[in-house]
Amino acid sequence: MSRIIKKYFAAFPLVLASLVAIYPNSVKAADDLKPFPEAEVGYRRFVMHLPPVDVPEDRKVEMIFGKMLEVDCNRHMFSGRLESKVVQGWGYQYYVLVNIKGPASTMMACPADEQKRKDFVRVRLDFQDAQFEWQRYNSKLPIVVYVPDGIEVRYRIWLANQQTATALQE
C-alpha cells in the first residue's frame, strides 16, 4: 500500500506540470480584458496579445487597419482617425478607429485586359494620429482596438537591427 502511495506522490509534480501546461491562455486573455469596455453597437473589439521576448525594447508593433475589396490597377485607400482613450481607474490605453471615409482611388485608366483582384485596402490615418499606429512592444498588457464593423485589424512586429553605426562628429 505504501509503495502505491509513493508512486502517486512521485507522479504528482508531473501531473501538476501537465495541468499548468494545458491551462488555457484564453482564461488569462479574458482576465486581461476585464478593465476594457465592451464594443459599442457597430464596432468590434480586436486584441493583440504579444508573446514574451528577451529584449522588447528592440521591437515595435505596427497596427494596420483595412478591408478586403475587389480593386483595379489604381491605388485604393480609406481614411480615418485613430483616437487614444484611457480606461478610467486603470490607466490602460486603448484605441478607437473613427471617421472612416472611402474608399478613394487614383482613378487612372486601367489596361483593358487587366482583371480586378481582391486586395487589402488600408486605412490611412490622419497625420496627427500616425503616432498611435506604432506601439511599443509589451507582452504583459494587450493592445486593444475598437474598429467599425467590416474593418480588419492586422499587425506587424518590427525588430531593430542588432548592428549599430557610430555617428561622426563634424
C-alpha atoms as a PDB file:
ATOM      1  CA  MET A   1       0.000   0.000   0.000  1.00  0.00           C
ATOM      2  CA  SER A   2       2.776   2.369   0.904  1.00  0.00           C
ATOM      3  CA  ARG A   3       4.517   1.729  -2.405  1.00  0.00           C
ATOM      4  CA  ILE A   4       1.366   2.726  -4.344  1.00  0.00           C
ATOM      5  CA  ILE A   5       1.054   5.991  -2.397  1.00  0.00           C
ATOM      6  CA  LYS A   6       4.735   6.766  -3.003  1.00  0.00           C
ATOM      7  CA  LYS A   7       4.215   6.085  -6.709  1.00  0.00           C
ATOM      8  CA  TYR A   8       1.304   8.531  -6.869  1.00  0.00           C
ATOM      9  CA  PHE A   9       3.178  11.195  -4.911  1.00  0.00           C
ATOM     10  CA  ALA A  10       6.191  10.755  -7.181  1.00  0.00           C
ATOM     11  CA  ALA A  11       3.988  11.364 -10.217  1.00  0.00           C
ATOM     12  CA  PHE A  12       2.263  14.392  -8.649  1.00  0.00           C
ATOM     13  CA  PRO A  13       4.770  17.032  -9.920  1.00  0.00           C
ATOM     14  CA  LEU A  14       4.440  15.643 -13.451  1.00  0.00           C
ATOM     15  CA  VAL A  15       0.624  15.773 -13.276  1.00  0.00           C
ATOM     16  CA  LEU A  16       0.731  19.308 -11.871  1.00  0.00           C
ATOM     17  CA  ALA A  17       3.113  20.442 -14.620  1.00  0.00           C
ATOM     18  CA  SER A  18       0.812  18.935 -17.236  1.00  0.00           C
ATOM     19  CA  LEU A  19      -2.190  20.775 -15.854  1.00  0.00           C
ATOM     20  CA  VAL A  20      -0.319  24.079 -15.841  1.00  0.00           C
ATOM     21  CA  ALA A  21       0.852  23.494 -19.417  1.00  0.00           C
ATOM     22  CA  ILE A  22      -2.687  22.935 -20.695  1.00  0.00           C
ATOM     23  CA  TYR A  23      -4.177  25.810 -18.686  1.00  0.00           C
ATOM     24  CA  PRO A  24      -5.882  27.768 -21.437  1.00  0.00           C
ATOM     25  CA  ASN A  25      -4.349  31.065 -22.469  1.00  0.00           C
ATOM     26  CA  SER A  26      -7.879  32.278 -23.145  1.00  0.00           C
ATOM     27  CA  VAL A  27      -8.544  32.417 -19.391  1.00  0.00           C
ATOM     28  CA  LYS A  28      -5.541  34.710 -18.934  1.00  0.00           C
ATOM     29  CA  ALA A  29      -6.615  36.693 -22.004  1.00  0.00           C
ATOM     30  CA  ALA A  30     -10.138  37.109 -20.616  1.00  0.00           C
ATOM     31  CA  ASP A  31      -8.693  38.401 -17.335  1.00  0.00           C
ATOM     32  CA  ASP A  32      -6.536  40.887 -19.263  1.00  0.00           C
ATOM     33  CA  LEU A  33      -9.659  42.315 -20.916  1.00  0.00           C
ATOM     34  CA  LYS A  34     -11.764  42.876 -17.785  1.00  0.00           C
ATOM     35  CA  PRO A  35     -10.850  46.577 -17.470  1.00  0.00           C
ATOM     36  CA  PHE A  36     -11.631  47.338 -21.116  1.00  0.00           C
ATOM     37  CA  PRO A  37     -15.174  48.257 -22.206  1.00  0.00           C
ATOM     38  CA  GLU A  38     -17.247  46.034 -24.448  1.00  0.00           C
ATOM     39  CA  ALA A  39     -17.521  47.127 -28.086  1.00  0.00           C
ATOM     40  CA  GLU A  40     -20.319  49.586 -28.812  1.00  0.00           C
ATOM     41  CA  VAL A  41     -23.012  48.812 -31.380  1.00  0.00           C
ATOM     42  CA  GLY A  42     -21.491  48.980 -34.863  1.00  0.00           C
ATOM     43  CA  TYR A  43     -17.967  48.341 -33.545  1.00  0.00           C
ATOM     44  CA  ARG A  44     -15.847  45.277 -32.839  1.00  0.00           C
ATOM     45  CA  ARG A  45     -13.032  44.881 -30.328  1.00  0.00           C
ATOM     46  CA  PHE A  46      -9.714  43.466 -31.530  1.00  0.00           C
ATOM     47  CA  VAL A  47      -6.961  42.420 -29.147  1.00  0.00           C
ATOM     48  CA  MET A  48      -3.277  41.763 -29.778  1.00  0.00           C
ATOM     49  CA  HIS A  49      -1.574  39.525 -27.193  1.00  0.00           C
ATOM     50  CA  LEU A  50       2.177  39.547 -27.731  1.00  0.00           C
ATOM     51  CA  PRO A  51       4.470  36.706 -26.646  1.00  0.00           C
ATOM     52  CA  PRO A  52       7.307  37.448 -24.204  1.00  0.00           C
ATOM     53  CA  VAL A  53      10.678  38.175 -25.823  1.00  0.00           C
ATOM     54  CA  ASP A  54      14.190  38.716 -24.458  1.00  0.00           C
ATOM     55  CA  VAL A  55      14.611  42.378 -25.468  1.00  0.00           C
ATOM     56  CA  PRO A  56      11.223  44.036 -26.035  1.00  0.00           C
ATOM     57  CA  GLU A  57      12.891  47.444 -26.405  1.00  0.00           C
ATOM     58  CA  ASP A  58      14.215  46.308 -29.801  1.00  0.00           C
ATOM     59  CA  ARG A  59      10.687  45.748 -31.152  1.00  0.00           C
ATOM     60  CA  LYS A  60       7.725  47.848 -32.246  1.00  0.00           C
ATOM     61  CA  VAL A  61       4.197  46.851 -33.179  1.00  0.00           C
ATOM     62  CA  GLU A  62       2.664  48.386 -36.300  1.00  0.00           C
ATOM     63  CA  MET A  63      -1.140  48.370 -36.335  1.00  0.00           C
ATOM     64  CA  ILE A  64      -2.680  48.081 -39.795  1.00  0.00           C
ATOM     65  CA  PHE A  65      -6.359  48.753 -40.485  1.00  0.00           C
ATOM     66  CA  GLY A  66      -8.227  47.993 -43.679  1.00  0.00           C
ATOM     67  CA  LYS A  67     -10.713  45.942 -45.602  1.00  0.00           C
ATOM     68  CA  MET A  68     -10.590  43.309 -48.360  1.00  0.00           C
ATOM     69  CA  LEU A  69     -12.054  44.783 -51.562  1.00  0.00           C
ATOM     70  CA  GLU A  70     -12.171  43.992 -55.246  1.00  0.00           C
ATOM     71  CA  VAL A  71      -9.854  46.559 -56.836  1.00  0.00           C
ATOM     72  CA  ASP A  72      -8.465  47.502 -60.222  1.00  0.00           C
ATOM     73  CA  CYS A  73      -4.997  48.803 -61.154  1.00  0.00           C
ATOM     74  CA  ASN A  74      -5.454  52.073 -59.231  1.00  0.00           C
ATOM     75  CA  ARG A  75      -4.235  52.821 -55.736  1.00  0.00           C
ATOM     76  CA  HIS A  76      -7.107  52.475 -53.285  1.00  0.00           C
ATOM     77  CA  MET A  77      -7.360  53.671 -49.693  1.00  0.00           C
ATOM     78  CA  PHE A  78      -9.642  54.629 -46.856  1.00  0.00           C
ATOM     79  CA  SER A  79      -9.028  57.498 -44.471  1.00  0.00           C
ATOM     80  CA  GLY A  80      -9.757  57.609 -40.778  1.00  0.00           C
ATOM     81  CA  ARG A  81      -8.798  58.814 -37.334  1.00  0.00           C
ATOM     82  CA  LEU A  82      -7.366  56.725 -34.502  1.00  0.00           C
ATOM     83  CA  GLU A  83      -8.288  58.105 -31.107  1.00  0.00           C
ATOM     84  CA  SER A  84      -6.404  57.204 -27.949  1.00  0.00           C
ATOM     85  CA  LYS A  85      -8.511  56.646 -24.839  1.00  0.00           C
ATOM     86  CA  VAL A  86      -7.747  55.622 -21.262  1.00  0.00           C
ATOM     87  CA  VAL A  87      -9.614  53.062 -19.140  1.00  0.00           C
ATOM     88  CA  GLN A  88     -10.799  55.107 -16.164  1.00  0.00           C
ATOM     89  CA  GLY A  89      -9.375  53.902 -12.868  1.00  0.00           C
ATOM     90  CA  TRP A  90      -6.802  51.673 -14.545  1.00  0.00           C
ATOM     91  CA  GLY A  91      -4.766  53.992 -16.744  1.00  0.00           C
ATOM     92  CA  TYR A  92      -4.627  51.450 -19.578  1.00  0.00           C
ATOM     93  CA  GLN A  93      -4.656  52.884 -23.067  1.00  0.00           C
ATOM     94  CA  TYR A  94      -6.879  51.641 -25.881  1.00  0.00           C
ATOM     95  CA  TYR A  95      -7.688  52.937 -29.350  1.00  0.00           C
ATOM     96  CA  VAL A  96     -10.850  53.653 -31.341  1.00  0.00           C
ATOM     97  CA  LEU A  97     -10.848  53.978 -35.144  1.00  0.00           C
ATOM     98  CA  VAL A  98     -13.393  56.619 -36.198  1.00  0.00           C
ATOM     99  CA  ASN A  99     -14.416  58.753 -39.180  1.00  0.00           C
ATOM    100  CA  ILE A 100     -13.740  56.092 -41.807  1.00  0.00           C
ATOM    101  CA  LYS A 101     -14.169  57.596 -45.277  1.00  0.00           C
ATOM    102  CA  GLY A 102     -13.789  55.970 -48.651  1.00  0.00           C
ATOM    103  CA  PRO A 103     -12.692  54.002 -50.412  1.00  0.00           C
ATOM    104  CA  ALA A 104     -10.939  56.524 -52.616  1.00  0.00           C
ATOM    105  CA  SER A 105      -8.694  55.768 -55.555  1.00  0.00           C
ATOM    106  CA  THR A 106      -6.376  57.443 -58.043  1.00  0.00           C
ATOM    107  CA  MET A 107      -8.929  56.867 -60.877  1.00  0.00           C
ATOM    108  CA  MET A 108      -6.411  56.297 -63.672  1.00  0.00           C
ATOM    109  CA  ALA A 109      -7.389  54.358 -66.761  1.00  0.00           C
ATOM    110  CA  CYS A 110      -6.535  50.670 -66.371  1.00  0.00           C
ATOM    111  CA  PRO A 111      -5.450  48.396 -69.235  1.00  0.00           C
ATOM    112  CA  ALA A 112      -8.490  46.771 -70.839  1.00  0.00           C
ATOM    113  CA  ASP A 113      -7.160  43.233 -70.349  1.00  0.00           C
ATOM    114  CA  GLU A 114      -6.390  43.660 -66.641  1.00  0.00           C
ATOM    115  CA  GLN A 115      -8.695  41.733 -64.307  1.00  0.00           C
ATOM    116  CA  LYS A 116      -9.922  43.063 -60.982  1.00  0.00           C
ATOM    117  CA  ARG A 117      -8.426  41.376 -57.936  1.00  0.00           C
ATOM    118  CA  LYS A 118      -9.069  41.048 -54.224  1.00  0.00           C
ATOM    119  CA  ASP A 119      -6.702  43.161 -52.136  1.00  0.00           C
ATOM    120  CA  PHE A 120      -6.381  44.506 -48.608  1.00  0.00           C
ATOM    121  CA  VAL A 121      -7.126  48.232 -48.812  1.00  0.00           C
ATOM    122  CA  ARG A 122      -5.543  50.113 -45.914  1.00  0.00           C
ATOM    123  CA  VAL A 123      -6.969  52.897 -43.817  1.00  0.00           C
ATOM    124  CA  ARG A 124      -4.561  55.839 -43.971  1.00  0.00           C
ATOM    125  CA  LEU A 125      -4.602  57.650 -40.655  1.00  0.00           C
ATOM    126  CA  ASP A 126      -4.656  61.416 -40.240  1.00  0.00           C
ATOM    127  CA  PHE A 127      -1.171  62.819 -39.719  1.00  0.00           C
ATOM    128  CA  GLN A 128      -1.655  63.580 -36.002  1.00  0.00           C
ATOM    129  CA  ASP A 129      -2.917  60.019 -35.378  1.00  0.00           C
ATOM    130  CA  ALA A 130       0.033  58.288 -37.073  1.00  0.00           C
ATOM    131  CA  GLN A 131       1.879  58.227 -33.728  1.00  0.00           C
ATOM    132  CA  PHE A 132      -0.663  55.696 -32.412  1.00  0.00           C
ATOM    133  CA  GLU A 133      -0.121  53.386 -35.384  1.00  0.00           C
ATOM    134  CA  TRP A 134       3.188  52.316 -33.785  1.00  0.00           C
ATOM    135  CA  GLN A 135       3.120  50.763 -30.327  1.00  0.00           C
ATOM    136  CA  ARG A 136       5.909  49.742 -28.021  1.00  0.00           C
ATOM    137  CA  TYR A 137       6.230  46.005 -27.577  1.00  0.00           C
ATOM    138  CA  ASN A 138       4.650  44.923 -24.290  1.00  0.00           C
ATOM    139  CA  SER A 139       3.837  41.255 -23.672  1.00  0.00           C
ATOM    140  CA  LYS A 140       2.308  41.986 -20.261  1.00  0.00           C
ATOM    141  CA  LEU A 141      -0.624  44.098 -21.482  1.00  0.00           C
ATOM    142  CA  PRO A 142      -2.698  43.543 -24.633  1.00  0.00           C
ATOM    143  CA  ILE A 143      -3.122  46.168 -27.325  1.00  0.00           C
ATOM    144  CA  VAL A 144      -6.877  46.806 -27.584  1.00  0.00           C
ATOM    145  CA  VAL A 145      -8.507  48.482 -30.587  1.00  0.00           C
ATOM    146  CA  TYR A 146     -12.159  49.166 -31.416  1.00  0.00           C
ATOM    147  CA  VAL A 147     -13.000  49.449 -35.115  1.00  0.00           C
ATOM    148  CA  PRO A 148     -16.214  49.820 -37.121  1.00  0.00           C
ATOM    149  CA  ASP A 149     -17.866  46.634 -38.385  1.00  0.00           C
ATOM    150  CA  GLY A 150     -16.267  45.414 -41.610  1.00  0.00           C
ATOM    151  CA  ILE A 151     -12.790  46.771 -40.859  1.00  0.00           C
ATOM    152  CA  GLU A 152      -9.974  44.294 -40.177  1.00  0.00           C
ATOM    153  CA  VAL A 153      -7.079  44.799 -37.788  1.00  0.00           C
ATOM    154  CA  ARG A 154      -3.716  43.359 -38.691  1.00  0.00           C
ATOM    155  CA  TYR A 155      -0.369  43.939 -37.078  1.00  0.00           C
ATOM    156  CA  ARG A 156       3.290  43.508 -37.831  1.00  0.00           C
ATOM    157  CA  ILE A 157       6.199  43.135 -35.406  1.00  0.00           C
ATOM    158  CA  TRP A 158       9.286  45.153 -36.327  1.00  0.00           C
ATOM    159  CA  LEU A 159      12.666  44.126 -34.972  1.00  0.00           C
ATOM    160  CA  ALA A 160      15.593  46.543 -34.824  1.00  0.00           C
ATOM    161  CA  ASN A 161      18.818  45.523 -36.480  1.00  0.00           C
ATOM    162  CA  GLN A 162      21.306  44.484 -33.821  1.00  0.00           C
ATOM    163  CA  GLN A 163      24.152  46.155 -35.688  1.00  0.00           C
ATOM    164  CA  THR A 164      24.574  49.847 -34.912  1.00  0.00           C
ATOM    165  CA  ALA A 165      26.683  52.526 -36.553  1.00  0.00           C
ATOM    166  CA  THR A 166      28.554  55.366 -34.909  1.00  0.00           C
ATOM    167  CA  ALA A 167      27.701  58.894 -35.981  1.00  0.00           C
ATOM    168  CA  LEU A 168      30.589  61.132 -36.903  1.00  0.00           C
ATOM    169  CA  GLN A 169      31.081  64.475 -35.239  1.00  0.00           C
ATOM    170  CA  GLU A 170      31.539  67.109 -37.931  1.00  0.00           C
END
